[in-house]
Amino acid sequence: MKISTRGRYALRLMLDLAMGDRDQYVTIKSIAERQEISVKYLEQIITALSRAGYVKSIRGPQGGYKLAHPPEDYTVGMILRLIEGSLVPVACMEDEPNQCPRCEKCATLDLWRRLDEAISSVIDHITLADLAENQESKL
């Protein structure tokens, strides 16, 4: 599994919002400057986050974006799955039940399941609040 630039940037965008004043709306331009990411790229990402209800937006001179919920409510897994789609390590695991004609006799399927469980156990238990706390300790 390899997380795309889009997934990494989405996580950085959400972390940036989590680090700020939760009552204030933040412009994409200011996030782009802090994160050193193109405004155009972030606009594409914020659209997906907004449609999913992860962020709220308002228009106008005082407009911008803020988290729709507290940082504790978002896991890394939620954000990555929204942007990346499935995070399973092999394509045959995307369907449930597994549709692969070899799944009953596949010696590697258990390995892929264990890898998927290990990844999920990490990304589904780390929240934006955890990342924000970690980020604060690095400043």
N, C-alpha and C. Protein backbone atom coordinates (compact mmCIF):
# COMPACT_ATOMS: atom_id res chain seq x y z
N MET A 1 0.84 -1.18 0.00
CA MET A 1 0.00 0.00 0.00
C MET A 1 0.89 1.24 0.00
N LYS A 2 0.53 2.17 -0.86
CA LYS A 2 1.25 3.42 -0.93
C LYS A 2 0.22 4.55 -0.89
N ILE A 3 0.38 5.46 0.05
CA ILE A 3 -0.53 6.59 0.17
C ILE A 3 -0.11 7.64 -0.86
N SER A 4 -1.07 8.11 -1.64
CA SER A 4 -0.78 9.10 -2.68
C SER A 4 -0.50 10.47 -2.07
N THR A 5 0.02 11.34 -2.90
CA THR A 5 0.25 12.73 -2.50
C THR A 5 -1.08 13.35 -2.07
N ARG A 6 -2.13 13.05 -2.79
CA ARG A 6 -3.46 13.58 -2.47
C ARG A 6 -3.89 13.17 -1.06
N GLY A 7 -3.65 11.92 -0.69
CA GLY A 7 -3.99 11.45 0.65
C GLY A 7 -3.15 12.13 1.72
N ARG A 8 -1.87 12.25 1.45
CA ARG A 8 -0.98 12.91 2.42
C ARG A 8 -1.35 14.38 2.60
N TYR A 9 -1.65 15.05 1.49
CA TYR A 9 -2.02 16.46 1.57
C TYR A 9 -3.36 16.65 2.27
N ALA A 10 -4.29 15.75 2.07
CA ALA A 10 -5.58 15.83 2.77
C ALA A 10 -5.36 15.74 4.28
N LEU A 11 -4.50 14.85 4.68
CA LEU A 11 -4.20 14.71 6.10
C LEU A 11 -3.53 15.98 6.64
N ARG A 12 -2.61 16.55 5.89
CA ARG A 12 -1.96 17.79 6.31
C ARG A 12 -2.95 18.95 6.38
N LEU A 13 -3.86 19.01 5.42
CA LEU A 13 -4.88 20.06 5.42
C LEU A 13 -5.75 19.95 6.66
N MET A 14 -6.23 18.74 6.94
CA MET A 14 -7.08 18.53 8.12
C MET A 14 -6.31 18.82 9.42
N LEU A 15 -5.05 18.44 9.46
CA LEU A 15 -4.23 18.71 10.64
C LEU A 15 -4.05 20.21 10.81
N ASP A 16 -3.84 20.93 9.73
CA ASP A 16 -3.70 22.38 9.79
C ASP A 16 -4.96 22.99 10.41
N LEU A 17 -6.13 22.54 9.96
CA LEU A 17 -7.38 23.04 10.53
C LEU A 17 -7.51 22.67 12.01
N ALA A 18 -7.07 21.48 12.38
CA ALA A 18 -7.15 21.03 13.77
C ALA A 18 -6.23 21.84 14.68
N MET A 19 -5.14 22.34 14.13
CA MET A 19 -4.16 23.08 14.93
C MET A 19 -4.62 24.51 15.22
N GLY A 20 -5.53 25.03 14.42
CA GLY A 20 -5.95 26.42 14.57
C GLY A 20 -7.10 26.58 15.55
N ASP A 21 -7.58 27.80 15.60
CA ASP A 21 -8.75 28.13 16.42
C ASP A 21 -9.98 27.49 15.77
N ARG A 22 -10.63 26.59 16.48
CA ARG A 22 -11.73 25.82 15.89
C ARG A 22 -12.94 26.68 15.56
N ASP A 23 -13.02 27.89 16.11
CA ASP A 23 -14.15 28.76 15.83
C ASP A 23 -13.91 29.67 14.62
N GLN A 24 -12.68 29.72 14.15
CA GLN A 24 -12.32 30.59 13.04
C GLN A 24 -12.28 29.84 11.72
N TYR A 25 -12.76 30.48 10.67
CA TYR A 25 -12.64 29.93 9.33
C TYR A 25 -11.28 30.32 8.77
N VAL A 26 -10.67 29.39 8.06
CA VAL A 26 -9.31 29.57 7.54
C VAL A 26 -9.36 29.49 6.02
N THR A 27 -8.65 30.38 5.36
CA THR A 27 -8.64 30.36 3.90
C THR A 27 -7.72 29.25 3.38
N ILE A 28 -8.07 28.77 2.20
CA ILE A 28 -7.23 27.77 1.54
C ILE A 28 -5.85 28.36 1.25
N LYS A 29 -5.83 29.64 0.91
CA LYS A 29 -4.55 30.29 0.60
C LYS A 29 -3.61 30.26 1.81
N SER A 30 -4.14 30.52 3.00
CA SER A 30 -3.28 30.52 4.19
C SER A 30 -2.80 29.10 4.52
N ILE A 31 -3.66 28.11 4.32
CA ILE A 31 -3.24 26.72 4.53
C ILE A 31 -2.16 26.34 3.52
N ALA A 32 -2.38 26.73 2.27
CA ALA A 32 -1.42 26.43 1.21
C ALA A 32 -0.04 27.03 1.52
N GLU A 33 -0.03 28.24 2.04
CA GLU A 33 1.24 28.88 2.39
C GLU A 33 1.93 28.15 3.53
N ARG A 34 1.19 27.83 4.58
CA ARG A 34 1.79 27.14 5.72
C ARG A 34 2.28 25.74 5.35
N GLN A 35 1.51 25.05 4.53
CA GLN A 35 1.82 23.66 4.20
C GLN A 35 2.69 23.53 2.94
N GLU A 36 2.92 24.66 2.26
CA GLU A 36 3.73 24.66 1.04
C GLU A 36 3.15 23.71 -0.01
N ILE A 37 1.84 23.87 -0.23
CA ILE A 37 1.09 23.06 -1.19
C ILE A 37 0.34 24.03 -2.11
N SER A 38 0.21 23.68 -3.35
CA SER A 38 -0.51 24.50 -4.32
C SER A 38 -1.96 24.74 -3.89
N VAL A 39 -2.41 25.98 -4.06
CA VAL A 39 -3.80 26.32 -3.75
C VAL A 39 -4.74 25.48 -4.61
N LYS A 40 -4.43 25.34 -5.89
CA LYS A 40 -5.28 24.57 -6.81
C LYS A 40 -5.44 23.12 -6.33
N TYR A 41 -4.35 22.54 -5.88
CA TYR A 41 -4.40 21.15 -5.40
C TYR A 41 -5.27 21.06 -4.15
N LEU A 42 -5.08 21.98 -3.23
CA LEU A 42 -5.88 21.97 -2.00
C LEU A 42 -7.36 22.22 -2.27
N GLU A 43 -7.67 23.03 -3.27
CA GLU A 43 -9.07 23.27 -3.62
C GLU A 43 -9.75 21.97 -4.05
N GLN A 44 -9.04 21.14 -4.78
CA GLN A 44 -9.60 19.85 -5.20
C GLN A 44 -9.85 18.95 -3.98
N ILE A 45 -8.90 18.95 -3.07
CA ILE A 45 -9.01 18.09 -1.89
C ILE A 45 -10.11 18.59 -0.95
N ILE A 46 -10.17 19.91 -0.75
CA ILE A 46 -11.16 20.45 0.19
C ILE A 46 -12.58 20.20 -0.31
N THR A 47 -12.76 20.12 -1.61
CA THR A 47 -14.08 19.82 -2.17
C THR A 47 -14.56 18.45 -1.70
N ALA A 48 -13.68 17.46 -1.76
CA ALA A 48 -14.04 16.11 -1.31
C ALA A 48 -14.32 16.10 0.20
N LEU A 49 -13.50 16.79 0.96
CA LEU A 49 -13.69 16.85 2.41
C LEU A 49 -14.99 17.56 2.78
N SER A 50 -15.31 18.60 2.03
CA SER A 50 -16.54 19.35 2.27
C SER A 50 -17.77 18.52 1.92
N ARG A 51 -17.74 17.85 0.78
CA ARG A 51 -18.88 16.99 0.38
C ARG A 51 -19.14 15.89 1.40
N ALA A 52 -18.09 15.40 2.02
CA ALA A 52 -18.23 14.33 3.00
C ALA A 52 -18.66 14.85 4.36
N GLY A 53 -18.73 16.17 4.52
CA GLY A 53 -19.13 16.75 5.79
C GLY A 53 -18.01 16.82 6.82
N TYR A 54 -16.77 16.68 6.37
CA TYR A 54 -15.64 16.74 7.28
C TYR A 54 -15.27 18.18 7.63
N VAL A 55 -15.57 19.10 6.70
CA VAL A 55 -15.29 20.52 6.93
C VAL A 55 -16.52 21.33 6.60
N LYS A 56 -16.60 22.50 7.23
CA LYS A 56 -17.65 23.48 6.94
C LYS A 56 -17.00 24.64 6.20
N SER A 57 -17.79 25.30 5.38
CA SER A 57 -17.25 26.45 4.67
C SER A 57 -18.24 27.60 4.68
N ILE A 58 -17.69 28.81 4.56
CA ILE A 58 -18.51 30.00 4.32
C ILE A 58 -17.80 30.82 3.25
N ARG A 59 -18.59 31.53 2.48
CA ARG A 59 -18.06 32.36 1.39
C ARG A 59 -17.87 33.79 1.88
N GLY A 60 -17.17 34.54 1.08
CA GLY A 60 -17.02 35.96 1.36
C GLY A 60 -15.67 36.32 1.91
N PRO A 61 -15.49 37.62 2.21
CA PRO A 61 -14.18 38.11 2.67
C PRO A 61 -13.70 37.47 3.98
N GLN A 62 -14.63 37.09 4.82
CA GLN A 62 -14.27 36.43 6.08
C GLN A 62 -14.45 34.93 5.97
N GLY A 63 -14.58 34.45 4.75
CA GLY A 63 -14.87 33.04 4.51
C GLY A 63 -13.66 32.14 4.65
N GLY A 64 -13.93 30.88 4.47
CA GLY A 64 -12.88 29.89 4.57
C GLY A 64 -13.47 28.57 5.03
N TYR A 65 -12.62 27.78 5.69
CA TYR A 65 -12.99 26.43 6.11
C TYR A 65 -12.61 26.21 7.56
N LYS A 66 -13.37 25.32 8.19
CA LYS A 66 -13.03 24.85 9.53
C LYS A 66 -13.55 23.43 9.65
N LEU A 67 -13.05 22.72 10.65
CA LEU A 67 -13.51 21.35 10.88
C LEU A 67 -14.98 21.37 11.26
N ALA A 68 -15.72 20.40 10.78
CA ALA A 68 -17.15 20.30 11.11
C ALA A 68 -17.35 19.68 12.49
N HIS A 69 -16.36 18.94 12.98
CA HIS A 69 -16.43 18.25 14.27
C HIS A 69 -15.10 18.43 15.00
N PRO A 70 -15.06 18.12 16.28
CA PRO A 70 -13.80 18.21 17.01
C PRO A 70 -12.74 17.26 16.43
N PRO A 71 -11.46 17.60 16.56
CA PRO A 71 -10.39 16.77 16.01
C PRO A 71 -10.40 15.33 16.52
N GLU A 72 -10.94 15.12 17.71
CA GLU A 72 -11.01 13.77 18.28
C GLU A 72 -11.94 12.86 17.48
N ASP A 73 -12.83 13.47 16.70
CA ASP A 73 -13.83 12.70 15.96
C ASP A 73 -13.32 12.16 14.62
N TYR A 74 -12.15 12.59 14.20
CA TYR A 74 -11.60 12.16 12.92
C TYR A 74 -10.41 11.24 13.13
N THR A 75 -10.44 10.09 12.50
CA THR A 75 -9.26 9.23 12.52
C THR A 75 -8.50 9.40 11.21
N VAL A 76 -7.23 9.05 11.25
CA VAL A 76 -6.42 9.06 10.04
C VAL A 76 -7.06 8.14 9.00
N GLY A 77 -7.57 7.00 9.44
CA GLY A 77 -8.20 6.05 8.54
C GLY A 77 -9.41 6.64 7.82
N MET A 78 -10.24 7.41 8.52
CA MET A 78 -11.40 8.04 7.90
C MET A 78 -10.98 8.95 6.76
N ILE A 79 -9.99 9.77 7.03
CA ILE A 79 -9.54 10.76 6.05
C ILE A 79 -8.89 10.07 4.85
N LEU A 80 -8.00 9.12 5.13
CA LEU A 80 -7.32 8.44 4.03
C LEU A 80 -8.29 7.63 3.18
N ARG A 81 -9.23 6.94 3.80
CA ARG A 81 -10.20 6.15 3.02
C ARG A 81 -11.10 7.04 2.17
N LEU A 82 -11.45 8.20 2.70
CA LEU A 82 -12.27 9.13 1.92
C LEU A 82 -11.53 9.55 0.65
N ILE A 83 -10.27 9.88 0.80
CA ILE A 83 -9.49 10.40 -0.33
C ILE A 83 -8.93 9.28 -1.20
N GLU A 84 -8.44 8.23 -0.59
CA GLU A 84 -7.77 7.15 -1.33
C GLU A 84 -8.72 6.05 -1.79
N GLY A 85 -9.85 5.91 -1.11
CA GLY A 85 -10.70 4.75 -1.37
C GLY A 85 -10.21 3.60 -0.50
N SER A 86 -10.35 2.41 -0.98
CA SER A 86 -9.94 1.24 -0.21
C SER A 86 -8.44 1.26 0.07
N LEU A 87 -8.06 0.82 1.24
CA LEU A 87 -6.64 0.74 1.60
C LEU A 87 -6.16 -0.70 1.72
N VAL A 88 -6.96 -1.65 1.25
CA VAL A 88 -6.54 -3.05 1.34
C VAL A 88 -5.27 -3.25 0.52
N PRO A 89 -4.40 -4.15 0.98
CA PRO A 89 -3.10 -4.31 0.31
C PRO A 89 -3.15 -5.00 -1.05
N VAL A 90 -4.20 -5.79 -1.31
CA VAL A 90 -4.32 -6.48 -2.60
C VAL A 90 -5.76 -6.36 -3.10
N ALA A 91 -5.90 -6.31 -4.41
CA ALA A 91 -7.21 -6.08 -5.03
C ALA A 91 -8.24 -7.14 -4.68
N CYS A 92 -7.81 -8.38 -4.50
CA CYS A 92 -8.79 -9.44 -4.25
C CYS A 92 -9.52 -9.26 -2.93
N MET A 93 -9.02 -8.40 -2.05
CA MET A 93 -9.69 -8.18 -0.76
C MET A 93 -10.72 -7.06 -0.81
N GLU A 94 -10.87 -6.41 -1.94
CA GLU A 94 -11.79 -5.28 -2.01
C GLU A 94 -13.25 -5.70 -1.93
N ASP A 95 -13.57 -6.92 -2.37
CA ASP A 95 -14.94 -7.40 -2.32
C ASP A 95 -15.16 -8.27 -1.09
N GLU A 96 -16.33 -8.12 -0.48
CA GLU A 96 -16.68 -8.94 0.67
C GLU A 96 -18.03 -9.57 0.39
N PRO A 97 -18.18 -10.84 0.29
CA PRO A 97 -17.10 -11.82 0.46
C PRO A 97 -16.13 -11.81 -0.73
N ASN A 98 -14.97 -12.35 -0.48
CA ASN A 98 -13.90 -12.39 -1.47
C ASN A 98 -14.38 -13.15 -2.71
N GLN A 99 -14.23 -12.53 -3.86
CA GLN A 99 -14.71 -13.11 -5.12
C GLN A 99 -13.64 -13.89 -5.87
N CYS A 100 -12.44 -13.90 -5.38
CA CYS A 100 -11.35 -14.59 -6.07
C CYS A 100 -11.62 -16.10 -6.07
N PRO A 101 -11.55 -16.74 -7.23
CA PRO A 101 -11.80 -18.19 -7.29
C PRO A 101 -10.74 -19.00 -6.54
N ARG A 102 -9.62 -18.38 -6.23
CA ARG A 102 -8.55 -19.09 -5.52
C ARG A 102 -8.54 -18.82 -4.01
N CYS A 103 -9.46 -18.02 -3.52
CA CYS A 103 -9.37 -17.58 -2.12
C CYS A 103 -9.38 -18.74 -1.11
N GLU A 104 -10.07 -19.82 -1.39
CA GLU A 104 -10.13 -20.95 -0.46
C GLU A 104 -8.80 -21.69 -0.35
N LYS A 105 -7.99 -21.63 -1.38
CA LYS A 105 -6.73 -22.37 -1.37
C LYS A 105 -5.51 -21.45 -1.46
N CYS A 106 -5.72 -20.15 -1.23
CA CYS A 106 -4.64 -19.17 -1.35
C CYS A 106 -3.85 -19.06 -0.05
N ALA A 107 -2.61 -19.44 -0.09
CA ALA A 107 -1.76 -19.40 1.10
C ALA A 107 -1.40 -17.97 1.50
N THR A 108 -1.45 -17.04 0.55
CA THR A 108 -1.04 -15.67 0.88
C THR A 108 -2.19 -14.80 1.38
N LEU A 109 -3.43 -15.24 1.21
CA LEU A 109 -4.57 -14.42 1.61
C LEU A 109 -4.54 -14.10 3.10
N ASP A 110 -4.16 -15.07 3.93
CA ASP A 110 -4.07 -14.80 5.37
C ASP A 110 -3.03 -13.73 5.67
N LEU A 111 -1.93 -13.75 4.94
CA LEU A 111 -0.90 -12.71 5.09
C LEU A 111 -1.49 -11.35 4.77
N TRP A 112 -2.22 -11.22 3.65
CA TRP A 112 -2.79 -9.94 3.25
C TRP A 112 -3.84 -9.47 4.26
N ARG A 113 -4.61 -10.41 4.82
CA ARG A 113 -5.60 -10.05 5.84
C ARG A 113 -4.92 -9.51 7.10
N ARG A 114 -3.85 -10.19 7.51
CA ARG A 114 -3.12 -9.74 8.70
C ARG A 114 -2.49 -8.37 8.48
N LEU A 115 -1.96 -8.15 7.28
CA LEU A 115 -1.39 -6.85 6.95
C LEU A 115 -2.46 -5.77 6.97
N ASP A 116 -3.62 -6.05 6.39
CA ASP A 116 -4.73 -5.11 6.39
C ASP A 116 -5.18 -4.79 7.82
N GLU A 117 -5.28 -5.81 8.67
CA GLU A 117 -5.68 -5.60 10.07
C GLU A 117 -4.65 -4.76 10.81
N ALA A 118 -3.37 -4.99 10.55
CA ALA A 118 -2.31 -4.23 11.22
C ALA A 118 -2.37 -2.76 10.81
N ILE A 119 -2.52 -2.51 9.53
CA ILE A 119 -2.60 -1.13 9.04
C ILE A 119 -3.84 -0.45 9.64
N SER A 120 -4.97 -1.13 9.57
CA SER A 120 -6.21 -0.56 10.10
C SER A 120 -6.12 -0.29 11.59
N SER A 121 -5.46 -1.17 12.33
CA SER A 121 -5.37 -0.97 13.78
C SER A 121 -4.57 0.29 14.11
N VAL A 122 -3.67 0.69 13.24
CA VAL A 122 -2.91 1.93 13.46
C VAL A 122 -3.74 3.13 13.01
N ILE A 123 -4.14 3.14 11.75
CA ILE A 123 -4.77 4.35 11.22
C ILE A 123 -6.17 4.60 11.77
N ASP A 124 -6.81 3.58 12.29
CA ASP A 124 -8.15 3.77 12.85
C ASP A 124 -8.12 4.15 14.33
N HIS A 125 -6.94 4.21 14.91
CA HIS A 125 -6.84 4.57 16.32
C HIS A 125 -6.04 5.85 16.56
N ILE A 126 -5.57 6.47 15.50
CA ILE A 126 -4.87 7.75 15.62
C ILE A 126 -5.82 8.83 15.11
N THR A 127 -6.09 9.80 15.96
CA THR A 127 -7.03 10.87 15.60
C THR A 127 -6.27 12.13 15.19
N LEU A 128 -7.02 13.07 14.63
CA LEU A 128 -6.43 14.38 14.34
C LEU A 128 -5.95 15.04 15.62
N ALA A 129 -6.65 14.83 16.70
CA ALA A 129 -6.22 15.39 17.99
C ALA A 129 -4.86 14.81 18.40
N ASP A 130 -4.66 13.51 18.16
CA ASP A 130 -3.37 12.89 18.46
C ASP A 130 -2.27 13.50 17.61
N LEU A 131 -2.55 13.68 16.32
CA LEU A 131 -1.55 14.27 15.43
C LEU A 131 -1.25 15.71 15.81
N ALA A 132 -2.28 16.45 16.20
CA ALA A 132 -2.08 17.85 16.61
C ALA A 132 -1.20 17.93 17.86
N GLU A 133 -1.44 17.02 18.79
CA GLU A 133 -0.61 16.97 20.00
C GLU A 133 0.84 16.63 19.64
N ASN A 134 1.01 15.69 18.76
CA ASN A 134 2.35 15.32 18.30
C ASN A 134 3.02 16.50 17.59
N GLN A 135 2.25 17.20 16.76
CA GLN A 135 2.79 18.35 16.04
C GLN A 135 3.22 19.45 17.01
N GLU A 136 2.40 19.69 18.03
CA GLU A 136 2.73 20.71 19.03
C GLU A 136 4.07 20.40 19.70
N SER A 137 4.33 19.14 19.96
CA SER A 137 5.58 18.76 20.62
C SER A 137 6.79 18.95 19.72
N LYS A 138 6.56 19.08 18.41
CA LYS A 138 7.66 19.25 17.46
C LYS A 138 7.94 20.72 17.14
N LEU A 139 7.09 21.61 17.64
CA LEU A 139 7.28 23.05 17.37
C LEU A 139 8.20 23.70 18.37
